[in-house]
Amino acid sequence: MKEIHFRPITDEHDYQFKVKHIREFLEEGDKVKATVKFRGREMMYQDAGWKLVEKLKQDLQDLAVVESQPKLEGKSLVTMLLPKPKPKSKSGVKVAQNENQPQRRQEV
């Protein structure tokens, strides 16, 4: 499991950089824990954190499934993302079966 930390006021470039890393983790098959950390008076602006998490879910919907909905744990807003299962192709199964069989030579 990988964890990425955000702040409620995260600049767009920083956000895109972190999303790029999350995409890499998901493509490798890792779970990702996305955490928005609030400090001090930032707790008054929880709506910015919720919007950030919703934006994150929208940006990663092609690669990720939300395992646990966002929830506030102390001064952190936490959500878990799982990689979407890859569709199994039938042709890949046939190739694997053919590799196990001995090859036959055809005489012409």
Protein backbone atom coordinates (compact mmCIF):
# COMPACT_ATOMS: atom_id res chain seq x y z
CA MET A 1 0.00 0.00 0.00
CA LYS A 2 1.24 3.47 -0.91
CA GLU A 3 0.16 6.69 0.79
CA ILE A 4 0.04 10.17 -0.74
CA HIS A 5 -0.52 13.28 1.38
CA PHE A 6 -2.32 16.38 0.21
CA ARG A 7 -3.11 19.69 1.88
CA PRO A 8 -6.54 21.32 1.47
CA ILE A 9 -4.96 24.19 -0.48
CA THR A 10 -2.80 22.29 -2.98
CA ASP A 11 -1.55 24.13 -6.06
CA GLU A 12 -2.57 22.68 -9.45
CA HIS A 13 0.97 21.67 -10.46
CA ASP A 14 1.55 19.91 -7.14
CA TYR A 15 -1.82 18.18 -7.47
CA GLN A 16 -1.02 16.95 -11.00
CA PHE A 17 2.43 15.73 -9.88
CA LYS A 18 0.90 13.67 -7.08
CA VAL A 19 -1.86 12.32 -9.34
CA LYS A 20 0.85 11.18 -11.77
CA HIS A 21 2.51 9.20 -8.98
CA ILE A 22 -0.82 7.72 -7.89
CA ARG A 23 -1.42 6.60 -11.49
CA GLU A 24 1.98 4.88 -11.53
CA PHE A 25 1.22 3.09 -8.25
CA LEU A 26 -2.19 1.93 -9.49
CA GLU A 27 -0.72 0.68 -12.78
CA GLU A 28 1.78 -1.38 -10.76
CA GLY A 29 -1.16 -2.91 -8.85
CA ASP A 30 -0.65 -1.13 -5.52
CA LYS A 31 -3.41 0.17 -3.26
CA VAL A 32 -3.22 3.91 -2.63
CA LYS A 33 -4.27 5.73 0.51
CA ALA A 34 -4.96 9.38 -0.30
CA THR A 35 -4.87 11.62 2.77
CA VAL A 36 -5.76 15.31 3.04
CA LYS A 37 -4.10 16.67 6.19
CA PHE A 38 -5.54 19.69 7.97
CA ARG A 39 -3.44 21.83 10.31
CA GLY A 40 -4.58 24.47 12.75
CA ARG A 41 -7.31 26.68 11.34
CA GLU A 42 -7.52 24.69 8.14
CA MET A 43 -10.17 22.56 9.88
CA MET A 44 -12.54 25.48 9.22
CA TYR A 45 -12.10 24.84 5.48
CA GLN A 46 -12.95 21.15 5.37
CA ASP A 47 -15.05 21.71 2.26
CA ALA A 48 -11.83 22.40 0.28
CA GLY A 49 -10.53 19.00 1.37
CA TRP A 50 -13.76 17.24 0.38
CA LYS A 51 -13.67 18.94 -3.04
CA LEU A 52 -10.06 17.85 -3.51
CA VAL A 53 -10.94 14.22 -2.77
CA GLU A 54 -13.92 14.34 -5.15
CA LYS A 55 -11.68 15.81 -7.87
CA LEU A 56 -9.15 13.04 -7.22
CA LYS A 57 -11.82 10.35 -7.57
CA GLN A 58 -13.00 11.89 -10.86
CA ASP A 59 -9.47 12.16 -12.26
CA LEU A 60 -8.66 8.54 -11.43
CA GLN A 61 -11.96 6.87 -12.28
CA ASP A 62 -10.41 5.23 -15.36
CA LEU A 63 -7.76 3.43 -13.25
CA ALA A 64 -9.14 3.17 -9.72
CA VAL A 65 -12.07 1.91 -7.71
CA VAL A 66 -12.82 3.56 -4.37
CA GLU A 67 -12.39 0.91 -1.68
CA SER A 68 -13.46 3.13 1.22
CA GLN A 69 -15.42 6.33 0.87
CA PRO A 70 -13.71 9.48 2.19
CA LYS A 71 -14.00 9.86 5.94
CA LEU A 72 -12.63 12.28 8.48
CA GLU A 73 -10.20 10.67 10.94
CA GLY A 74 -9.07 13.29 13.42
CA LYS A 75 -7.46 16.05 11.37
CA SER A 76 -7.15 13.93 8.22
CA LEU A 77 -9.56 13.13 5.42
CA VAL A 78 -8.76 9.62 4.18
CA THR A 79 -9.85 7.53 1.19
CA MET A 80 -8.54 4.23 -0.19
CA LEU A 81 -8.17 3.55 -3.91
CA LEU A 82 -7.75 0.13 -5.53
CA PRO A 83 -6.58 -0.53 -9.07
CA LYS A 84 -9.39 -1.63 -11.38
CA PRO A 85 -9.17 -5.32 -12.22
CA LYS A 86 -7.74 -5.92 -15.68
CA PRO A 87 -10.01 -7.78 -18.09
CA LYS A 88 -8.77 -11.27 -18.83
CA SER A 89 -8.43 -12.01 -22.52
CA LYS A 90 -9.35 -15.43 -23.83
CA SER A 91 -6.53 -15.35 -26.35
CA GLY A 92 -3.98 -15.11 -23.53
CA VAL A 93 -5.33 -18.33 -22.03
CA LYS A 94 -5.02 -20.18 -25.34
CA VAL A 95 -1.41 -19.11 -25.76
CA ALA A 96 -0.57 -20.41 -22.30
CA GLN A 97 -2.19 -23.78 -23.10
CA ASN A 98 -0.31 -24.05 -26.38
CA GLU A 99 3.03 -23.37 -24.70
CA ASN A 100 2.60 -26.39 -22.42
CA GLN A 101 2.01 -28.81 -25.30
CA PRO A 102 4.97 -30.31 -27.15
CA GLN A 103 5.48 -28.96 -30.63
CA ARG A 104 4.73 -31.27 -33.55
CA ARG A 105 6.67 -31.21 -36.74
CA GLN A 106 4.74 -31.40 -39.95
CA GLU A 107 6.37 -33.29 -42.79
CA VAL A 108 5.59 -32.11 -46.28
